[in-house]
Amino acid sequence: MIGRLKTASPLPTTDESLRRQARLEVAVGAFSPRRAALLRQRGMLPVAPYLLGDPTKAGREATPAELQTLAGRQGSGVPVGLVPCADCGGWRGECLDPNPPFQGKVLRVQCRCENQNRCARCGAPFARFRLNANHYDARLDVIVHVPGFCALTHACAAPAGCRVRPGSMDDLRALVCALVGICYDADTRQRFVAWLRSVRPTMAALAVMMVKMALRHTPVGEQAQSRYVLVGFQPDGEPLSDLRALW
């Protein structure tokens, strides 16, 4: 609806497509208040004026048998149930979430080889790992969920000899702030927004780009052997990042 994801080839704008776009925008506008009213009745309405995805990373309650077979760690310290991929070396399988708040949840973990999300226009992956899926970061000992919203930060590479038309930094800033709200919480998002407004525009733009790369797990460096890790946020909303090796 917002035009960020491209089709395999440009679609012509017709009266029918414009009517459909208008009907969709009306439907989306009406859906949010109805959804909010329902969640408010159930006591589930979040603080921020938007809805979050599944914070449990699509985990499910373990069965009694799984609590026994998946309990503990392997000799390498990796959760039981995960095996290394013979192609990319990443971890895959099903295991119990090592994060204490999600104790007893079984998560499916996927390696880079299972990343089948591609841009219809250029064929490039939207992110390093599969969208709406989990991967295991052995260095941090955490299972990281990659939200589908990461696809909205994708930009097709320009053909040889051409330049990519720059997008709107305001749009990117709004999108990254929304991602922070999804990956963290509404309070963190609000503090991050306030901090961006309090610093110089150049510093704010650099912070937005850094947070975007961290949330998308974008490799950096001459040989793409490192990536930014978003450690957290200061009380005033300033993002804290660390550059770490991938292997």
C-alpha atoms as a PDB file:
ATOM      1  CA  MET A   1       0.000   0.000   0.000  1.00  0.00           C
ATOM      2  CA  ILE A   2       2.868   2.354   0.739  1.00  0.00           C
ATOM      3  CA  GLY A   3       4.776   1.408  -2.384  1.00  0.00           C
ATOM      4  CA  ARG A   4       7.941   0.139  -0.729  1.00  0.00           C
ATOM      5  CA  LEU A   5       7.866  -3.405  -2.095  1.00  0.00           C
ATOM      6  CA  LYS A   6       8.216  -3.534  -5.867  1.00  0.00           C
ATOM      7  CA  THR A   7       6.447  -5.925  -8.197  1.00  0.00           C
ATOM      8  CA  ALA A   8       8.356  -8.027 -10.716  1.00  0.00           C
ATOM      9  CA  SER A   9       7.694  -5.320 -13.321  1.00  0.00           C
ATOM     10  CA  PRO A  10       6.132  -1.858 -13.023  1.00  0.00           C
ATOM     11  CA  LEU A  11       2.343  -1.935 -13.011  1.00  0.00           C
ATOM     12  CA  PRO A  12       0.467   0.740 -14.965  1.00  0.00           C
ATOM     13  CA  THR A  13      -1.719   3.127 -12.981  1.00  0.00           C
ATOM     14  CA  THR A  14      -5.327   2.763 -14.066  1.00  0.00           C
ATOM     15  CA  ASP A  15      -8.655   4.060 -12.815  1.00  0.00           C
ATOM     16  CA  GLU A  16      -9.367   0.592 -11.427  1.00  0.00           C
ATOM     17  CA  SER A  17      -6.054   0.431  -9.525  1.00  0.00           C
ATOM     18  CA  LEU A  18      -6.690   3.894  -8.077  1.00  0.00           C
ATOM     19  CA  ARG A  19     -10.183   2.844  -6.937  1.00  0.00           C
ATOM     20  CA  ARG A  20      -8.755  -0.285  -5.317  1.00  0.00           C
ATOM     21  CA  GLN A  21      -6.071   1.759  -3.595  1.00  0.00           C
ATOM     22  CA  ALA A  22      -8.678   4.142  -2.218  1.00  0.00           C
ATOM     23  CA  ARG A  23     -10.879   1.276  -0.973  1.00  0.00           C
ATOM     24  CA  LEU A  24      -7.885  -0.363   0.682  1.00  0.00           C
ATOM     25  CA  GLU A  25      -6.897   2.831   2.479  1.00  0.00           C
ATOM     26  CA  VAL A  26     -10.472   3.278   3.735  1.00  0.00           C
ATOM     27  CA  ALA A  27     -10.556  -0.350   4.943  1.00  0.00           C
ATOM     28  CA  VAL A  28      -7.217  -0.024   6.739  1.00  0.00           C
ATOM     29  CA  GLY A  29      -8.317   3.228   8.357  1.00  0.00           C
ATOM     30  CA  ALA A  30     -11.504   1.601   9.638  1.00  0.00           C
ATOM     31  CA  PHE A  31      -9.761  -1.595  10.766  1.00  0.00           C
ATOM     32  CA  SER A  32      -7.419   0.068  13.259  1.00  0.00           C
ATOM     33  CA  PRO A  33     -10.148   1.667  15.448  1.00  0.00           C
ATOM     34  CA  ARG A  34     -12.193  -1.572  15.453  1.00  0.00           C
ATOM     35  CA  ARG A  35      -9.118  -3.602  16.331  1.00  0.00           C
ATOM     36  CA  ALA A  36      -8.118  -1.132  19.043  1.00  0.00           C
ATOM     37  CA  ALA A  37     -11.590  -1.217  20.579  1.00  0.00           C
ATOM     38  CA  LEU A  38     -11.545  -5.013  20.696  1.00  0.00           C
ATOM     39  CA  LEU A  39      -8.081  -5.128  22.261  1.00  0.00           C
ATOM     40  CA  ARG A  40      -9.061  -2.459  24.769  1.00  0.00           C
ATOM     41  CA  GLN A  41     -12.002  -4.606  25.892  1.00  0.00           C
ATOM     42  CA  ARG A  42      -9.617  -7.515  26.389  1.00  0.00           C
ATOM     43  CA  GLY A  43      -7.067  -5.361  28.220  1.00  0.00           C
ATOM     44  CA  MET A  44      -4.495  -6.038  25.498  1.00  0.00           C
ATOM     45  CA  LEU A  45      -4.099  -2.607  23.911  1.00  0.00           C
ATOM     46  CA  PRO A  46      -0.407  -1.588  23.805  1.00  0.00           C
ATOM     47  CA  VAL A  47       0.760   1.824  24.973  1.00  0.00           C
ATOM     48  CA  ALA A  48       1.786   2.962  21.484  1.00  0.00           C
ATOM     49  CA  PRO A  49      -0.842   3.727  18.796  1.00  0.00           C
ATOM     50  CA  TYR A  50       0.124   0.692  16.731  1.00  0.00           C
ATOM     51  CA  LEU A  51       0.012  -3.085  17.084  1.00  0.00           C
ATOM     52  CA  LEU A  52       3.021  -5.290  17.630  1.00  0.00           C
ATOM     53  CA  GLY A  53       3.766  -8.710  16.237  1.00  0.00           C
ATOM     54  CA  ASP A  54       4.132 -11.884  18.246  1.00  0.00           C
ATOM     55  CA  PRO A  55       6.660 -11.081  21.002  1.00  0.00           C
ATOM     56  CA  THR A  56       7.195 -14.803  21.659  1.00  0.00           C
ATOM     57  CA  LYS A  57       8.889 -15.210  18.253  1.00  0.00           C
ATOM     58  CA  ALA A  58       6.230 -17.702  17.144  1.00  0.00           C
ATOM     59  CA  GLY A  59       7.157 -19.985  20.009  1.00  0.00           C
ATOM     60  CA  ARG A  60       4.799 -22.629  21.310  1.00  0.00           C
ATOM     61  CA  GLU A  61       4.468 -24.340  24.655  1.00  0.00           C
ATOM     62  CA  ALA A  62       6.712 -27.380  24.915  1.00  0.00           C
ATOM     63  CA  THR A  63       5.146 -30.761  25.568  1.00  0.00           C
ATOM     64  CA  PRO A  64       6.285 -32.709  28.639  1.00  0.00           C
ATOM     65  CA  ALA A  65       8.361 -34.944  26.359  1.00  0.00           C
ATOM     66  CA  GLU A  66      10.019 -31.929  24.693  1.00  0.00           C
ATOM     67  CA  LEU A  67      10.852 -30.382  28.057  1.00  0.00           C
ATOM     68  CA  GLN A  68      12.942 -33.489  28.720  1.00  0.00           C
ATOM     69  CA  THR A  69      14.480 -34.116  25.284  1.00  0.00           C
ATOM     70  CA  LEU A  70      15.325 -30.443  24.606  1.00  0.00           C
ATOM     71  CA  ALA A  71      16.518 -29.528  28.093  1.00  0.00           C
ATOM     72  CA  GLY A  72      20.069 -28.335  28.679  1.00  0.00           C
ATOM     73  CA  ARG A  73      23.001 -27.474  26.435  1.00  0.00           C
ATOM     74  CA  GLN A  74      25.303 -29.249  24.071  1.00  0.00           C
ATOM     75  CA  GLY A  75      29.032 -29.437  24.776  1.00  0.00           C
ATOM     76  CA  SER A  76      29.533 -26.259  22.724  1.00  0.00           C
ATOM     77  CA  GLY A  77      27.006 -24.400  24.867  1.00  0.00           C
ATOM     78  CA  VAL A  78      24.413 -24.326  22.092  1.00  0.00           C
ATOM     79  CA  PRO A  79      20.837 -25.258  23.070  1.00  0.00           C
ATOM     80  CA  VAL A  80      19.937 -28.911  22.593  1.00  0.00           C
ATOM     81  CA  GLY A  81      18.010 -29.484  19.383  1.00  0.00           C
ATOM     82  CA  LEU A  82      20.086 -27.222  17.124  1.00  0.00           C
ATOM     83  CA  VAL A  83      22.484 -28.669  14.549  1.00  0.00           C
ATOM     84  CA  PRO A  84      25.019 -26.871  12.335  1.00  0.00           C
ATOM     85  CA  CYS A  85      24.126 -26.477   8.660  1.00  0.00           C
ATOM     86  CA  ALA A  86      26.584 -28.296   6.400  1.00  0.00           C
ATOM     87  CA  ASP A  87      26.449 -25.453   3.859  1.00  0.00           C
ATOM     88  CA  CYS A  88      26.491 -22.136   5.739  1.00  0.00           C
ATOM     89  CA  GLY A  89      27.605 -23.283   9.203  1.00  0.00           C
ATOM     90  CA  GLY A  90      24.626 -21.635  10.898  1.00  0.00           C
ATOM     91  CA  TRP A  91      22.381 -23.346  13.425  1.00  0.00           C
ATOM     92  CA  ARG A  92      19.000 -24.836  12.587  1.00  0.00           C
ATOM     93  CA  GLY A  93      16.373 -27.001  14.220  1.00  0.00           C
ATOM     94  CA  GLU A  94      14.013 -26.659  17.185  1.00  0.00           C
ATOM     95  CA  CYS A  95      15.030 -25.838  20.745  1.00  0.00           C
ATOM     96  CA  LEU A  96      13.832 -24.283  23.969  1.00  0.00           C
ATOM     97  CA  ASP A  97      14.252 -20.522  24.069  1.00  0.00           C
ATOM     98  CA  PRO A  98      17.250 -19.781  26.346  1.00  0.00           C
ATOM     99  CA  ASN A  99      15.741 -16.401  27.243  1.00  0.00           C
ATOM    100  CA  PRO A 100      14.283 -16.757  30.792  1.00  0.00           C
ATOM    101  CA  PRO A 101      11.053 -14.789  30.059  1.00  0.00           C
ATOM    102  CA  PHE A 102      10.210 -17.384  27.378  1.00  0.00           C
ATOM    103  CA  GLN A 103      11.126 -20.439  29.410  1.00  0.00           C
ATOM    104  CA  GLY A 104       9.317 -23.535  28.169  1.00  0.00           C
ATOM    105  CA  LYS A 105       8.748 -22.184  24.660  1.00  0.00           C
ATOM    106  CA  VAL A 106       9.850 -24.227  21.661  1.00  0.00           C
ATOM    107  CA  LEU A 107      11.212 -22.145  18.794  1.00  0.00           C
ATOM    108  CA  ARG A 108      12.101 -23.097  15.264  1.00  0.00           C
ATOM    109  CA  VAL A 109      15.546 -21.774  14.302  1.00  0.00           C
ATOM    110  CA  GLN A 110      16.580 -21.331  10.669  1.00  0.00           C
ATOM    111  CA  CYS A 111      19.983 -20.757   9.086  1.00  0.00           C
ATOM    112  CA  ARG A 112      20.857 -18.462   6.192  1.00  0.00           C
ATOM    113  CA  CYS A 113      20.255 -21.239   3.652  1.00  0.00           C
ATOM    114  CA  GLU A 114      16.551 -21.194   4.547  1.00  0.00           C
ATOM    115  CA  ASN A 115      16.200 -17.511   3.680  1.00  0.00           C
ATOM    116  CA  GLN A 116      13.852 -17.683   0.702  1.00  0.00           C
ATOM    117  CA  ASN A 117      12.498 -14.127   0.925  1.00  0.00           C
ATOM    118  CA  ARG A 118      13.462 -12.292  -2.239  1.00  0.00           C
ATOM    119  CA  CYS A 119      12.545  -9.018  -3.883  1.00  0.00           C
ATOM    120  CA  ALA A 120      10.290  -9.690  -6.884  1.00  0.00           C
ATOM    121  CA  ARG A 121      12.000  -6.909  -8.837  1.00  0.00           C
ATOM    122  CA  CYS A 122      15.725  -7.534  -8.313  1.00  0.00           C
ATOM    123  CA  GLY A 123      15.785 -11.005  -6.742  1.00  0.00           C
ATOM    124  CA  ALA A 124      17.980  -9.926  -3.824  1.00  0.00           C
ATOM    125  CA  PRO A 125      17.153 -11.095  -0.267  1.00  0.00           C
ATOM    126  CA  PHE A 126      15.300  -8.635   1.929  1.00  0.00           C
ATOM    127  CA  ALA A 127      17.553  -9.413   4.895  1.00  0.00           C
ATOM    128  CA  ARG A 128      20.448 -11.700   5.772  1.00  0.00           C
ATOM    129  CA  PHE A 129      18.086 -14.127   7.494  1.00  0.00           C
ATOM    130  CA  ARG A 130      14.550 -15.202   6.693  1.00  0.00           C
ATOM    131  CA  LEU A 131      11.763 -12.770   7.530  1.00  0.00           C
ATOM    132  CA  ASN A 132       9.265 -13.618  10.268  1.00  0.00           C
ATOM    133  CA  ALA A 133      11.667 -16.307  11.410  1.00  0.00           C
ATOM    134  CA  ASN A 134      14.359 -16.900  14.033  1.00  0.00           C
ATOM    135  CA  HIS A 135      18.099 -17.495  13.930  1.00  0.00           C
ATOM    136  CA  TYR A 136      20.513 -18.343  16.730  1.00  0.00           C
ATOM    137  CA  ASP A 137      23.368 -15.951  17.523  1.00  0.00           C
ATOM    138  CA  ALA A 138      25.933 -18.150  19.264  1.00  0.00           C
ATOM    139  CA  ARG A 139      28.109 -15.204  20.306  1.00  0.00           C
ATOM    140  CA  LEU A 140      25.254 -13.555  22.194  1.00  0.00           C
ATOM    141  CA  ASP A 141      23.476 -16.817  23.082  1.00  0.00           C
ATOM    142  CA  VAL A 142      20.142 -15.415  21.931  1.00  0.00           C
ATOM    143  CA  ILE A 143      17.512 -16.428  19.418  1.00  0.00           C
ATOM    144  CA  VAL A 144      16.884 -13.390  17.251  1.00  0.00           C
ATOM    145  CA  HIS A 145      13.563 -12.813  15.517  1.00  0.00           C
ATOM    146  CA  VAL A 146      13.661 -10.970  12.174  1.00  0.00           C
ATOM    147  CA  PRO A 147      10.320  -9.166  11.708  1.00  0.00           C
ATOM    148  CA  GLY A 148       8.711  -8.968   8.300  1.00  0.00           C
ATOM    149  CA  PHE A 149       8.893  -5.181   8.490  1.00  0.00           C
ATOM    150  CA  CYS A 150      12.575  -5.437   7.625  1.00  0.00           C
ATOM    151  CA  ALA A 151      11.530  -5.998   4.017  1.00  0.00           C
ATOM    152  CA  LEU A 152      10.329  -2.401   3.885  1.00  0.00           C
ATOM    153  CA  THR A 153      13.900  -1.139   4.227  1.00  0.00           C
ATOM    154  CA  HIS A 154      15.014  -2.966   1.070  1.00  0.00           C
ATOM    155  CA  ALA A 155      16.236  -0.940  -1.904  1.00  0.00           C
ATOM    156  CA  CYS A 156      17.011  -2.575  -5.246  1.00  0.00           C
ATOM    157  CA  ALA A 157      20.608  -2.158  -6.397  1.00  0.00           C
ATOM    158  CA  ALA A 158      21.050   0.175  -9.345  1.00  0.00           C
ATOM    159  CA  PRO A 159      22.036  -1.258 -12.747  1.00  0.00           C
ATOM    160  CA  ALA A 160      25.681  -0.806 -13.739  1.00  0.00           C
ATOM    161  CA  GLY A 161      26.405   2.817 -14.499  1.00  0.00           C
ATOM    162  CA  CYS A 162      23.172   4.098 -12.944  1.00  0.00           C
ATOM    163  CA  ARG A 163      22.483   5.798  -9.648  1.00  0.00           C
ATOM    164  CA  VAL A 164      19.788   4.788  -7.191  1.00  0.00           C
ATOM    165  CA  ARG A 165      17.294   7.544  -6.687  1.00  0.00           C
ATOM    166  CA  PRO A 166      17.632   8.587  -3.048  1.00  0.00           C
ATOM    167  CA  GLY A 167      14.625   7.911  -0.906  1.00  0.00           C
ATOM    168  CA  SER A 168      13.166  10.104   1.806  1.00  0.00           C
ATOM    169  CA  MET A 169      15.145  10.130   5.047  1.00  0.00           C
ATOM    170  CA  ASP A 170      11.942  11.070   6.856  1.00  0.00           C
ATOM    171  CA  ASP A 171      10.296   7.862   5.576  1.00  0.00           C
ATOM    172  CA  LEU A 172      13.304   5.765   6.583  1.00  0.00           C
ATOM    173  CA  ARG A 173      13.392   7.416   9.988  1.00  0.00           C
ATOM    174  CA  ALA A 174       9.706   6.671  10.583  1.00  0.00           C
ATOM    175  CA  LEU A 175      10.169   3.079   9.460  1.00  0.00           C
ATOM    176  CA  VAL A 176      13.215   2.467  11.679  1.00  0.00           C
ATOM    177  CA  CYS A 177      11.417   3.977  14.675  1.00  0.00           C
ATOM    178  CA  ALA A 178       8.518   1.599  14.013  1.00  0.00           C
ATOM    179  CA  LEU A 179      10.965  -1.325  13.890  1.00  0.00           C
ATOM    180  CA  VAL A 180      12.402  -0.268  17.262  1.00  0.00           C
ATOM    181  CA  GLY A 181       8.890  -0.340  18.689  1.00  0.00           C
ATOM    182  CA  ILE A 182       8.368  -3.835  17.314  1.00  0.00           C
ATOM    183  CA  CYS A 183      11.717  -5.276  18.380  1.00  0.00           C
ATOM    184  CA  TYR A 184      11.735  -3.558  21.797  1.00  0.00           C
ATOM    185  CA  ASP A 185       8.667  -1.770  23.160  1.00  0.00           C
ATOM    186  CA  ALA A 186       6.648   1.419  22.860  1.00  0.00           C
ATOM    187  CA  ASP A 187       8.571   3.238  25.602  1.00  0.00           C
ATOM    188  CA  THR A 188      11.922   2.552  23.908  1.00  0.00           C
ATOM    189  CA  ARG A 189      10.534   3.775  20.598  1.00  0.00           C
ATOM    190  CA  GLN A 190       9.288   7.002  22.163  1.00  0.00           C
ATOM    191  CA  ARG A 191      12.635   7.656  23.871  1.00  0.00           C
ATOM    192  CA  PHE A 192      14.470   6.974  20.593  1.00  0.00           C
ATOM    193  CA  VAL A 193      12.189   9.385  18.713  1.00  0.00           C
ATOM    194  CA  ALA A 194      12.745  12.068  21.343  1.00  0.00           C
ATOM    195  CA  TRP A 195      16.518  11.592  21.210  1.00  0.00           C
ATOM    196  CA  LEU A 196      16.552  11.871  17.415  1.00  0.00           C
ATOM    197  CA  ARG A 197      14.757  15.206  17.700  1.00  0.00           C
ATOM    198  CA  SER A 198      17.238  16.478  20.287  1.00  0.00           C
ATOM    199  CA  VAL A 199      20.449  15.923  18.294  1.00  0.00           C
ATOM    200  CA  ARG A 200      21.824  17.427  15.098  1.00  0.00           C
ATOM    201  CA  PRO A 201      20.244  16.183  11.862  1.00  0.00           C
ATOM    202  CA  THR A 202      23.508  14.610  10.717  1.00  0.00           C
ATOM    203  CA  MET A 203      23.879  12.653  13.948  1.00  0.00           C
ATOM    204  CA  ALA A 204      20.236  11.591  13.802  1.00  0.00           C
ATOM    205  CA  ALA A 205      20.650  10.361  10.217  1.00  0.00           C
ATOM    206  CA  LEU A 206      23.749   8.334  11.126  1.00  0.00           C
ATOM    207  CA  ALA A 207      21.944   6.790  14.095  1.00  0.00           C
ATOM    208  CA  VAL A 208      18.969   5.827  11.928  1.00  0.00           C
ATOM    209  CA  MET A 209      21.256   4.138   9.392  1.00  0.00           C
ATOM    210  CA  MET A 210      23.175   2.293  12.120  1.00  0.00           C
ATOM    211  CA  VAL A 211      19.997   1.024  13.786  1.00  0.00           C
ATOM    212  CA  LYS A 212      18.646  -0.037  10.397  1.00  0.00           C
ATOM    213  CA  MET A 213      21.803  -2.065   9.656  1.00  0.00           C
ATOM    214  CA  ALA A 214      21.725  -3.632  13.125  1.00  0.00           C
ATOM    215  CA  LEU A 215      18.075  -4.671  12.891  1.00  0.00           C
ATOM    216  CA  ARG A 216      18.550  -6.050   9.371  1.00  0.00           C
ATOM    217  CA  HIS A 217      21.781  -7.845  10.362  1.00  0.00           C
ATOM    218  CA  THR A 218      23.552  -6.201   7.420  1.00  0.00           C
ATOM    219  CA  PRO A 219      27.192  -7.379   7.036  1.00  0.00           C
ATOM    220  CA  VAL A 220      29.742  -4.546   6.968  1.00  0.00           C
ATOM    221  CA  GLY A 221      33.448  -4.263   6.268  1.00  0.00           C
ATOM    222  CA  GLU A 222      35.568  -5.011   3.222  1.00  0.00           C
ATOM    223  CA  GLN A 223      34.903  -8.754   3.450  1.00  0.00           C
ATOM    224  CA  ALA A 224      31.483  -8.460   5.108  1.00  0.00           C
ATOM    225  CA  GLN A 225      32.757 -10.270   8.203  1.00  0.00           C
ATOM    226  CA  SER A 226      31.240  -7.953  10.798  1.00  0.00           C
ATOM    227  CA  ARG A 227      27.884  -6.503  11.679  1.00  0.00           C
ATOM    228  CA  TYR A 228      26.447  -3.957  14.049  1.00  0.00           C
ATOM    229  CA  VAL A 229      24.673  -5.321  17.123  1.00  0.00           C
ATOM    230  CA  LEU A 230      22.131  -3.106  18.829  1.00  0.00           C
ATOM    231  CA  VAL A 231      23.090  -3.519  22.494  1.00  0.00           C
ATOM    232  CA  GLY A 232      20.275  -1.326  23.784  1.00  0.00           C
ATOM    233  CA  PHE A 233      19.271   2.259  24.419  1.00  0.00           C
ATOM    234  CA  GLN A 234      20.386   4.849  26.951  1.00  0.00           C
ATOM    235  CA  PRO A 235      17.723   6.294  29.296  1.00  0.00           C
ATOM    236  CA  ASP A 236      17.553   9.371  27.036  1.00  0.00           C
ATOM    237  CA  GLY A 237      16.932   7.178  23.977  1.00  0.00           C
ATOM    238  CA  GLU A 238      20.414   7.173  22.440  1.00  0.00           C
ATOM    239  CA  PRO A 239      21.067   3.832  20.703  1.00  0.00           C
ATOM    240  CA  LEU A 240      24.049   1.756  21.838  1.00  0.00           C
ATOM    241  CA  SER A 241      25.729  -0.385  19.185  1.00  0.00           C
ATOM    242  CA  ASP A 242      28.717  -2.657  18.971  1.00  0.00           C
ATOM    243  CA  LEU A 243      30.586  -3.856  15.875  1.00  0.00           C
ATOM    244  CA  ARG A 244      31.155  -7.597  16.171  1.00  0.00           C
ATOM    245  CA  ALA A 245      32.649 -10.283  13.952  1.00  0.00           C
ATOM    246  CA  LEU A 246      30.231 -12.696  12.320  1.00  0.00           C
ATOM    247  CA  TRP A 247      32.406 -15.744  13.002  1.00  0.00           C
END
